[in-house]
């Protein structure tokens, strides 16, 4: 009899003696002896908590007394470690991971000297499929249970993400010039429609349409993407207000913005803004823009690390958060931040906020950072009724984080420890939809040897071509 079984037996004997126990209900999985951070509206925590899972949902959450009410074939003794909701990456380009680390040594224009030539030469269904799987594996190992992606051949991305076992909100890119999976301008919209219809009812994948940016998509085609999203009831993903000169770029490249209008005002005048839109970056906005975003229910993906690394400005994210805009955290693509985890982004978001427009250490305290990494992302995606917190009736997306590691001690405040002390490697176990994705740092659903073989073939080809760009 192990420690959990002994504890269950002791509790049961005591309750039988008191005449207050009935037959235990059968569940599929129980996580017990965990420091549970529910991230619910009441900020409920259980220092020695238990989570009971049946199928893909949480059916009970509370203290150790749940062991007397439920039994399961699989019981995880969390050993006092943190159990928290899965983290949500609200903006990424997963398959760019095949190009990570290139063009880092003082290249004057990395976008034109490295990125565009790499995409033109190397992008294919095969690269996108294998690289997306690699990115999903890295995401899972860091406790990310949902990735939000914008790229090409999103049906391949969907296959890879779901094969790893994590969730994906995956947007097929639409833009006004030919790309790898659309030989005609705006061909991505027809591709997006096919992708949406194929994947719409998948338990892990939420298909979406992703007009690239206001300066690469005309007003007419922006409205067409919104009409598709409205008709199919799916999200819209787009880069918005990422560049200081974005209004000028729209005026020059699509000729469609009134003088003096901001990007947010332009999109609002079009009737494009809605609660199904998730806007990435949102760096150059003022209080009037923020009020419009709030009014329209637009979700925001804040990417502080990528924006700082590319010297593209810093978003007033804490102002949006305090104004009640639904805002979560993202990494941006692996060529922008080089990392796939949200753990590092939490602390970086605080650093950027506290040093923007004068120092103020009160901005984005630890709880708010963990909230943005979980429920903030869920609300931005309008999925807060399913994920983002550990509550009865919600999906069983659970991450267990080792608090006994040297870097995690001492732990006086679990939110501060998660936001400022945790490494991705401190994530021990990841459960999505009630199923193991990572267990004791081992990826459960991928043949890693077979993946490594495919991955090496991809990166060898990329490396050979990249040598011509130096």
Protein backbone atom coordinates (compact mmCIF):
# COMPACT_ATOMS: atom_id res chain seq x y z
CA UNK A 1 0.00 0.00 0.00
CA UNK A 2 1.48 3.37 -1.05
CA UNK A 3 1.21 6.64 0.85
CA UNK A 4 -1.90 7.81 -1.00
CA UNK A 5 -3.69 4.52 -0.45
CA UNK A 6 -2.82 4.61 3.26
CA UNK A 7 -4.18 8.15 3.52
CA UNK A 8 -7.37 7.14 1.77
CA UNK A 9 -7.78 4.15 4.06
CA UNK A 10 -7.33 6.25 7.21
CA UNK A 11 -9.89 8.81 6.06
CA UNK A 12 -12.36 6.09 5.07
CA UNK A 13 -12.04 4.26 8.40
CA UNK A 14 -12.68 7.47 10.30
CA UNK A 15 -15.74 8.29 8.22
CA UNK A 16 -17.11 4.73 8.46
CA UNK A 17 -16.75 4.95 12.23
CA UNK A 18 -18.77 8.15 12.20
CA UNK A 19 -21.37 6.55 9.93
CA UNK A 20 -20.98 9.29 7.32
CA UNK A 21 -19.53 7.59 4.28
CA UNK A 22 -21.08 6.02 1.22
CA UNK A 23 -19.49 4.10 -1.62
CA UNK A 24 -16.76 6.10 -3.34
CA UNK A 25 -17.54 7.42 -6.81
CA UNK A 26 -15.34 6.18 -9.63
CA UNK A 27 -13.25 8.80 -11.44
CA UNK A 28 -10.54 8.50 -14.08
CA UNK A 29 -7.81 10.58 -12.42
CA UNK A 30 -7.14 12.21 -9.08
CA UNK A 31 -4.38 14.74 -8.38
CA UNK A 32 -3.87 15.03 -4.64
CA UNK A 33 -1.50 16.56 -2.09
CA UNK A 34 -1.11 19.58 -4.37
CA UNK A 35 -0.79 23.30 -3.71
CA UNK A 36 -3.75 24.12 -5.95
CA UNK A 37 -4.00 27.60 -7.50
CA UNK A 38 -7.45 27.57 -9.09
CA UNK A 39 -7.29 31.07 -10.67
CA UNK A 40 -11.05 31.32 -10.16
CA UNK A 41 -12.79 34.63 -9.45
CA UNK A 42 -12.39 34.16 -5.70
CA UNK A 43 -8.64 33.38 -6.02
CA UNK A 44 -9.27 30.09 -4.22
CA UNK A 45 -6.25 28.03 -3.22
CA UNK A 46 -5.83 24.68 -1.45
CA UNK A 47 -2.47 24.06 0.18
CA UNK A 48 -3.16 20.31 0.36
CA UNK A 49 -5.70 20.11 -2.39
CA UNK A 50 -7.17 17.48 -4.65
CA UNK A 51 -8.52 17.63 -8.22
CA UNK A 52 -10.85 14.90 -9.48
CA UNK A 53 -11.14 14.28 -13.23
CA UNK A 54 -13.75 12.27 -15.10
CA UNK A 55 -13.26 12.09 -18.85
CA UNK A 56 -12.05 15.48 -20.06
CA UNK A 57 -13.54 17.53 -17.20
CA UNK A 58 -12.93 18.43 -13.58
CA UNK A 59 -15.74 16.98 -11.47
CA UNK A 60 -14.51 17.99 -8.02
CA UNK A 61 -11.85 20.20 -6.49
CA UNK A 62 -11.09 20.76 -2.82
CA UNK A 63 -9.15 19.35 0.08
CA UNK A 64 -7.94 15.89 1.02
CA UNK A 65 -11.45 14.89 2.08
CA UNK A 66 -12.23 14.27 -1.59
CA UNK A 67 -10.20 11.07 -1.30
CA UNK A 68 -13.06 9.62 0.74
CA UNK A 69 -15.64 10.50 -1.91
CA UNK A 70 -13.79 9.45 -5.05
CA UNK A 71 -11.52 6.68 -6.22
CA UNK A 72 -9.55 6.35 -9.44
CA UNK A 73 -7.19 3.93 -11.11
CA UNK A 74 -4.70 6.79 -11.58
CA UNK A 75 -3.83 8.86 -8.52
CA UNK A 76 -1.02 11.42 -8.68
CA UNK A 77 0.66 12.40 -5.42
CA UNK A 78 1.77 15.93 -6.26
CA UNK A 79 4.11 15.97 -3.24
CA UNK A 80 3.07 19.49 -2.30
CA UNK A 81 3.90 20.88 -5.74
CA UNK A 82 1.84 23.59 -7.41
CA UNK A 83 -1.12 22.46 -9.50
CA UNK A 84 -2.33 25.27 -11.75
CA UNK A 85 -4.32 25.75 -14.96
CA UNK A 86 -2.47 25.21 -18.21
CA UNK A 87 -0.80 28.31 -19.59
CA UNK A 88 -1.98 29.92 -22.83
CA UNK A 89 0.35 31.32 -25.50
CA UNK A 90 -1.79 33.95 -27.18
CA UNK A 91 0.43 34.65 -30.22
CA UNK A 92 2.90 32.54 -32.15
CA UNK A 93 4.15 31.36 -35.54
CA UNK A 94 5.07 27.86 -34.49
CA UNK A 95 6.79 26.55 -37.60
CA UNK A 96 9.26 29.43 -37.66
CA UNK A 97 11.09 27.40 -35.02
CA UNK A 98 12.99 25.78 -37.92
CA UNK A 99 14.71 29.16 -38.46
CA UNK A 100 15.38 29.97 -34.81
CA UNK A 101 18.84 31.41 -34.12
CA UNK A 102 19.64 32.52 -37.68
CA UNK A 103 20.64 36.06 -38.58
CA UNK A 104 21.47 37.03 -35.01
CA UNK A 105 24.93 38.53 -35.55
CA UNK A 106 24.52 42.17 -36.39
CA UNK A 107 22.53 41.73 -39.60
CA UNK A 108 21.31 45.13 -40.74
CA UNK A 109 17.91 43.99 -41.99
CA UNK A 110 17.20 40.52 -40.65
CA UNK A 111 13.71 40.42 -42.15
CA UNK A 112 14.89 40.91 -45.74
CA UNK A 113 18.36 39.37 -45.47
CA UNK A 114 17.33 36.18 -43.67
CA UNK A 115 13.67 35.66 -42.96
CA UNK A 116 12.11 36.29 -46.37
CA UNK A 117 14.81 34.31 -48.26
CA UNK A 118 14.44 31.43 -45.79
CA UNK A 119 10.67 31.31 -46.25
CA UNK A 120 10.95 31.52 -50.03
CA UNK A 121 13.50 28.71 -50.24
CA UNK A 122 12.60 26.37 -47.40
CA UNK A 123 8.91 26.58 -46.54
CA UNK A 124 6.91 23.48 -47.44
CA UNK A 125 4.16 21.32 -45.99
CA UNK A 126 6.83 19.00 -44.61
CA UNK A 127 8.80 21.73 -42.84
CA UNK A 128 5.63 23.27 -41.42
CA UNK A 129 4.38 19.90 -40.13
CA UNK A 130 7.64 18.81 -38.49
CA UNK A 131 8.55 22.23 -37.13
CA UNK A 132 5.06 22.76 -35.67
CA UNK A 133 5.36 19.43 -33.88
CA UNK A 134 8.75 20.46 -32.46
CA UNK A 135 7.32 23.77 -31.25
CA UNK A 136 4.32 22.03 -29.71
CA UNK A 137 6.62 19.62 -27.84
CA UNK A 138 8.64 22.52 -26.44
CA UNK A 139 5.43 24.33 -25.51
CA UNK A 140 4.03 21.30 -23.70
CA UNK A 141 7.23 20.75 -21.74
CA UNK A 142 6.96 24.33 -20.43
CA UNK A 143 3.35 23.98 -19.26
CA UNK A 144 1.65 25.63 -22.24
CA UNK A 145 -1.58 23.75 -22.93
CA UNK A 146 -2.92 26.03 -25.68
CA UNK A 147 -1.02 27.74 -28.49
CA UNK A 148 -2.47 30.45 -30.71
CA UNK A 149 -0.84 30.36 -34.13
CA UNK A 150 -0.82 32.35 -37.38
CA UNK A 151 0.98 30.88 -40.36
CA UNK A 152 0.54 28.79 -43.51
CA UNK A 153 -0.69 25.24 -44.16
CA UNK A 154 -2.49 25.40 -40.82
CA UNK A 155 -4.01 21.98 -41.45
CA UNK A 156 -0.49 20.58 -41.05
CA UNK A 157 -0.02 22.66 -37.90
CA UNK A 158 -3.31 21.27 -36.60
CA UNK A 159 -2.18 17.69 -37.16
CA UNK A 160 1.07 18.31 -35.32
CA UNK A 161 -0.34 20.22 -32.37
CA UNK A 162 -3.12 17.70 -31.79
CA UNK A 163 -0.69 14.77 -32.12
CA UNK A 164 1.34 16.20 -29.23
CA UNK A 165 -1.90 16.47 -27.27
CA UNK A 166 -2.18 20.21 -26.58
CA UNK A 167 -4.81 22.67 -27.76
CA UNK A 168 -4.44 25.04 -30.69
CA UNK A 169 -6.32 28.09 -31.88
CA UNK A 170 -4.84 28.05 -35.36
CA UNK A 171 -5.30 30.81 -37.91
CA UNK A 172 -4.71 30.37 -41.64
CA UNK A 173 -2.99 33.52 -42.91
CA UNK A 174 -4.64 35.81 -45.45
CA UNK A 175 -2.63 38.54 -47.18
CA UNK A 176 -2.56 40.50 -50.41
CA UNK A 177 0.31 38.76 -52.16
CA UNK A 178 1.27 35.18 -53.03
CA UNK A 179 2.63 32.95 -50.26
CA UNK A 180 3.66 29.32 -49.92
CA UNK A 181 0.13 27.89 -49.72
CA UNK A 182 -1.72 30.49 -51.80
CA UNK A 183 -0.35 31.34 -55.24
CA UNK A 184 -2.80 34.17 -55.77
CA UNK A 185 -3.21 37.29 -53.59
CA UNK A 186 -5.75 36.61 -50.84
CA UNK A 187 -5.83 32.92 -51.74
CA UNK A 188 -5.46 32.22 -48.04
CA UNK A 189 -9.13 33.01 -47.49
CA UNK A 190 -10.33 30.03 -49.54
CA UNK A 191 -7.69 27.88 -47.82
CA UNK A 192 -8.94 29.15 -44.45
CA UNK A 193 -12.52 28.21 -45.29
CA UNK A 194 -11.50 24.67 -46.21
CA UNK A 195 -9.37 24.39 -43.08
CA UNK A 196 -12.16 25.65 -40.83
CA UNK A 197 -14.68 23.18 -42.24
CA UNK A 198 -12.24 20.27 -41.85
CA UNK A 199 -11.24 20.98 -38.24
CA UNK A 200 -14.20 22.82 -36.75
CA UNK A 201 -15.40 20.06 -34.42
CA UNK A 202 -12.02 18.78 -33.25
CA UNK A 203 -11.71 18.45 -29.45
CA UNK A 204 -8.27 20.12 -29.35
CA UNK A 205 -8.10 22.37 -32.42
CA UNK A 206 -10.09 25.57 -32.90
CA UNK A 207 -9.58 26.70 -36.50
CA UNK A 208 -9.45 30.43 -37.20
CA UNK A 209 -8.85 32.92 -39.98
CA UNK A 210 -5.84 35.23 -39.74
CA UNK A 211 -5.69 38.37 -41.89
CA UNK A 212 -2.03 39.24 -41.53
CA UNK A 213 -2.13 42.97 -40.71
CA UNK A 214 -3.96 46.18 -41.66
CA UNK A 215 -1.16 47.13 -44.07
CA UNK A 216 -1.15 43.78 -45.95
CA UNK A 217 -4.92 43.27 -46.25
CA UNK A 218 -7.25 45.73 -47.97
CA UNK A 219 -10.46 46.94 -46.30
CA UNK A 220 -12.54 44.83 -48.71
CA UNK A 221 -10.68 41.66 -47.78
CA UNK A 222 -10.68 42.46 -44.07
CA UNK A 223 -14.47 42.50 -44.24
CA UNK A 224 -14.43 39.21 -46.18
CA UNK A 225 -12.37 37.57 -43.43
CA UNK A 226 -14.78 38.87 -40.81
CA UNK A 227 -17.75 37.57 -42.80
CA UNK A 228 -16.13 34.12 -42.94
CA UNK A 229 -15.43 34.16 -39.20
CA UNK A 230 -18.97 35.29 -38.41
CA UNK A 231 -20.50 32.69 -40.71
CA UNK A 232 -18.43 29.83 -39.28
CA UNK A 233 -18.34 31.19 -35.69
CA UNK A 234 -14.55 31.06 -35.38
CA UNK A 235 -11.89 33.47 -34.07
CA UNK A 236 -10.00 36.10 -36.08
CA UNK A 237 -6.28 36.55 -35.40
CA UNK A 238 -4.33 39.59 -36.62
CA UNK A 239 -1.26 41.74 -35.95
CA UNK A 240 -2.56 45.19 -35.00
CA UNK A 241 -0.82 48.45 -34.00
CA UNK A 242 2.53 46.68 -33.93
CA UNK A 243 4.45 49.39 -35.79
CA UNK A 244 4.79 53.09 -35.04
CA UNK A 245 4.23 53.93 -38.71
CA UNK A 246 1.33 51.55 -39.24
CA UNK A 247 -1.23 54.23 -40.15
CA UNK A 248 1.16 55.64 -42.75
CA UNK A 249 1.76 52.12 -44.11
CA UNK A 250 -1.99 51.57 -44.49
CA UNK A 251 -2.36 54.91 -46.27
CA UNK A 252 0.54 54.07 -48.60
CA UNK A 253 -0.09 50.38 -49.27
CA UNK A 254 -3.87 50.02 -49.21
CA UNK A 255 -4.90 53.68 -49.40
CA UNK A 256 -7.74 53.35 -46.97
CA UNK A 257 -7.28 55.41 -43.84
CA UNK A 258 -8.60 58.88 -43.14
CA UNK A 259 -6.04 61.49 -42.14
CA UNK A 260 -5.51 61.66 -38.40
CA UNK A 261 -7.15 58.29 -37.72
CA UNK A 262 -5.41 55.65 -35.62
CA UNK A 263 -5.27 52.02 -36.73
CA UNK A 264 -7.86 51.14 -34.08
CA UNK A 265 -10.21 53.89 -35.25
CA UNK A 266 -9.74 52.81 -38.87
CA UNK A 267 -10.63 49.19 -38.08
CA UNK A 268 -13.57 50.28 -35.93
CA UNK A 269 -14.92 52.52 -38.71
CA UNK A 270 -14.75 49.49 -41.01
CA UNK A 271 -16.87 47.49 -38.58
CA UNK A 272 -14.05 44.96 -38.30
CA UNK A 273 -13.56 44.97 -34.52
CA UNK A 274 -15.50 42.41 -32.51
CA UNK A 275 -15.21 40.02 -29.59
CA UNK A 276 -14.03 37.22 -31.89
CA UNK A 277 -10.86 39.21 -32.77
CA UNK A 278 -7.56 38.55 -30.98
CA UNK A 279 -5.11 41.35 -31.74
CA UNK A 280 -1.41 40.61 -31.41
CA UNK A 281 1.03 43.24 -30.07
CA UNK A 282 -1.20 46.39 -29.81
CA UNK A 283 1.87 48.46 -29.02
CA UNK A 284 0.99 51.89 -30.38
CA UNK A 285 -2.38 52.78 -28.87
CA UNK A 286 -3.68 55.59 -26.70
CA UNK A 287 -6.47 55.76 -24.12
CA UNK A 288 -9.11 56.39 -26.78
CA UNK A 289 -7.97 53.31 -28.70
CA UNK A 290 -8.02 51.24 -25.52
CA UNK A 291 -11.58 52.35 -24.80
CA UNK A 292 -12.61 51.20 -28.29
CA UNK A 293 -10.93 47.82 -27.80
CA UNK A 294 -12.75 47.39 -24.50
CA UNK A 295 -16.09 48.41 -25.98
CA UNK A 296 -15.78 45.96 -28.87
CA UNK A 297 -14.57 43.08 -26.68
CA UNK A 298 -11.32 42.64 -28.61
CA UNK A 299 -8.79 40.28 -27.01
CA UNK A 300 -5.13 41.31 -26.91
CA UNK A 301 -2.02 39.15 -27.09
CA UNK A 302 0.84 40.96 -25.31
CA UNK A 303 4.34 39.96 -26.50
CA UNK A 304 6.74 41.99 -24.36
CA UNK A 305 9.84 39.87 -24.85
CA UNK A 306 9.61 39.70 -28.64
CA UNK A 307 8.81 43.39 -28.96
CA UNK A 308 11.71 44.41 -26.75
CA UNK A 309 14.11 42.05 -28.48
CA UNK A 310 13.25 43.49 -31.89
CA UNK A 311 13.31 47.07 -30.54
CA UNK A 312 9.77 47.60 -31.84
CA UNK A 313 8.40 49.37 -28.79
CA UNK A 314 6.62 48.45 -25.58
CA UNK A 315 2.89 48.04 -25.20
CA UNK A 316 0.87 49.83 -22.49
CA UNK A 317 -0.33 46.39 -21.46
CA UNK A 318 -0.92 47.20 -17.81
CA UNK A 319 -3.15 50.12 -18.81
CA UNK A 320 -5.23 47.81 -21.00
CA UNK A 321 -5.36 45.23 -18.21
CA UNK A 322 -6.51 47.79 -15.64
CA UNK A 323 -9.06 49.14 -18.13
CA UNK A 324 -10.65 45.70 -18.34
CA UNK A 325 -9.46 44.71 -21.80
CA UNK A 326 -9.15 40.92 -22.12
CA UNK A 327 -5.39 40.52 -22.38
CA UNK A 328 -3.08 37.53 -22.24
CA UNK A 329 0.57 36.75 -22.96
CA UNK A 330 2.32 35.54 -26.08
CA UNK A 331 5.83 34.76 -27.23
CA UNK A 332 5.46 35.71 -30.90
CA UNK A 333 7.33 33.49 -33.36
CA UNK A 334 10.51 31.62 -32.43
CA UNK A 335 12.56 33.99 -34.60
CA UNK A 336 11.27 36.90 -32.51
CA UNK A 337 11.65 35.69 -28.92
CA UNK A 338 13.58 32.41 -29.45
CA UNK A 339 11.58 30.79 -26.64
CA UNK A 340 8.20 29.10 -26.57
CA UNK A 341 7.30 29.30 -22.88
CA UNK A 342 5.01 31.74 -21.12
CA UNK A 343 6.84 31.33 -17.80
CA UNK A 344 9.63 33.66 -18.91
CA UNK A 345 7.18 36.07 -20.50
CA UNK A 346 5.40 36.66 -17.18
CA UNK A 347 8.41 38.21 -15.49
CA UNK A 348 9.41 40.08 -18.60
CA UNK A 349 5.95 41.65 -18.86
CA UNK A 350 6.42 43.10 -15.38
CA UNK A 351 9.88 44.46 -16.23
CA UNK A 352 8.58 46.24 -19.33
CA UNK A 353 5.51 47.65 -17.56
CA UNK A 354 7.42 48.87 -14.54
CA UNK A 355 9.98 50.76 -16.60
CA UNK A 356 7.71 52.24 -19.27
CA UNK A 357 7.02 55.98 -18.89
CA UNK A 358 8.79 56.19 -15.56
CA UNK A 359 9.47 53.48 -12.97
CA UNK A 360 6.54 52.09 -10.99
CA UNK A 361 6.97 48.72 -9.27
CA UNK A 362 3.24 48.48 -8.53
CA UNK A 363 2.42 47.63 -12.14
CA UNK A 364 1.47 44.01 -12.86
CA UNK A 365 1.96 42.34 -9.47
CA UNK A 366 2.57 38.56 -9.43
CA UNK A 367 -1.06 37.41 -9.25
CA UNK A 368 -1.96 39.54 -12.26
CA UNK A 369 0.90 38.04 -14.26
CA UNK A 370 -0.23 34.48 -13.52
CA UNK A 371 -3.80 35.55 -14.32
CA UNK A 372 -2.72 36.91 -17.70
CA UNK A 373 -0.89 33.65 -18.42
CA UNK A 374 -4.04 31.61 -17.73
CA UNK A 375 -7.47 33.24 -17.42
CA UNK A 376 -6.39 36.37 -19.30
CA UNK A 377 -5.60 34.30 -22.36
CA UNK A 378 -8.80 32.29 -21.98
CA UNK A 379 -10.92 35.45 -21.81
CA UNK A 380 -9.15 36.96 -24.82
CA UNK A 381 -10.14 33.85 -26.78
CA UNK A 382 -13.67 33.81 -25.32
CA UNK A 383 -12.91 30.34 -23.93
CA UNK A 384 -13.11 31.21 -20.24
CA UNK A 385 -16.08 28.88 -19.77
CA UNK A 386 -13.86 25.94 -20.76
CA UNK A 387 -10.26 26.68 -19.75
CA UNK A 388 -8.08 29.17 -17.84
CA UNK A 389 -8.95 28.10 -14.32
CA UNK A 390 -9.37 24.90 -12.33
CA UNK A 391 -13.10 24.72 -11.63
CA UNK A 392 -15.79 22.05 -11.65
CA UNK A 393 -17.19 21.61 -15.14
CA UNK A 394 -14.14 23.01 -16.92
CA UNK A 395 -11.70 21.08 -19.06
CA UNK A 396 -9.05 19.17 -17.14
CA UNK A 397 -6.01 21.14 -18.34
CA UNK A 398 -3.65 20.89 -15.37
CA UNK A 399 0.04 21.72 -14.94
CA UNK A 400 2.12 20.51 -12.00
CA UNK A 401 5.17 22.63 -11.15
CA UNK A 402 8.00 21.38 -8.91
CA UNK A 403 8.41 23.69 -5.92
CA UNK A 404 11.22 21.63 -4.40
CA UNK A 405 13.82 22.64 -7.00
CA UNK A 406 16.59 24.89 -5.70
CA UNK A 407 15.49 27.88 -7.79
CA UNK A 408 11.95 27.61 -6.39
CA UNK A 409 12.97 27.96 -2.75
CA UNK A 410 12.01 29.59 -0.52
CA UNK A 411 8.40 29.89 -1.68
CA UNK A 412 6.54 32.46 0.41
CA UNK A 413 4.17 33.55 -2.35
CA UNK A 414 3.36 30.95 -5.05
CA UNK A 415 2.34 33.63 -7.58
CA UNK A 416 5.61 35.52 -7.12
CA UNK A 417 7.55 32.27 -7.42
CA UNK A 418 5.78 31.38 -10.67
CA UNK A 419 6.20 34.84 -12.15
CA UNK A 420 9.79 35.55 -11.19
CA UNK A 421 11.64 32.38 -10.11
CA UNK A 422 10.32 29.51 -12.20
CA UNK A 423 12.11 27.94 -15.16
CA UNK A 424 10.25 25.97 -17.85
CA UNK A 425 12.18 22.91 -16.65
CA UNK A 426 10.36 23.11 -13.32
CA UNK A 427 7.20 21.87 -15.03
CA UNK A 428 6.85 18.18 -14.14
CA UNK A 429 3.49 17.03 -15.49
CA UNK A 430 1.01 18.40 -18.03
CA UNK A 431 -2.54 17.12 -18.47
CA UNK A 432 -4.85 18.28 -21.28
CA UNK A 433 -8.45 17.14 -21.62
CA UNK A 434 -7.80 14.76 -18.73
CA UNK A 435 -4.98 12.99 -20.60
CA UNK A 436 -1.25 13.03 -19.92
CA UNK A 437 0.80 15.07 -22.37
CA UNK A 438 3.94 15.28 -20.21
CA UNK A 439 4.49 12.98 -17.24
CA UNK A 440 7.55 13.44 -15.04
CA UNK A 441 9.20 15.47 -17.85
CA UNK A 442 8.57 12.74 -20.44
CA UNK A 443 6.51 13.58 -23.54
CA UNK A 444 3.81 10.93 -23.73
CA UNK A 445 2.36 11.09 -27.23
CA UNK A 446 5.37 11.47 -29.54
CA UNK A 447 7.93 8.95 -30.73
CA UNK A 448 10.86 11.23 -30.01
CA UNK A 449 13.38 9.15 -31.96
CA UNK A 450 11.23 9.29 -35.09
CA UNK A 451 10.60 13.00 -34.58
CA UNK A 452 14.32 13.67 -34.14
CA UNK A 453 15.06 11.97 -37.47
CA UNK A 454 12.55 14.15 -39.33
CA UNK A 455 13.64 17.27 -37.45
CA UNK A 456 17.31 16.73 -38.27
CA UNK A 457 16.55 16.39 -41.99
CA UNK A 458 14.67 19.70 -41.88
CA UNK A 459 17.31 21.63 -39.95
CA UNK A 460 20.18 20.23 -42.05
CA UNK A 461 18.49 21.62 -45.17
CA UNK A 462 17.85 24.99 -43.50
CA UNK A 463 21.46 25.17 -42.27
CA UNK A 464 22.84 24.47 -45.73
CA UNK A 465 20.75 27.23 -47.29
CA UNK A 466 21.45 29.68 -44.46
CA UNK A 467 25.17 29.49 -45.19
CA UNK A 468 24.47 31.26 -48.48
CA UNK A 469 22.94 34.19 -46.61
CA UNK A 470 25.87 35.06 -44.36
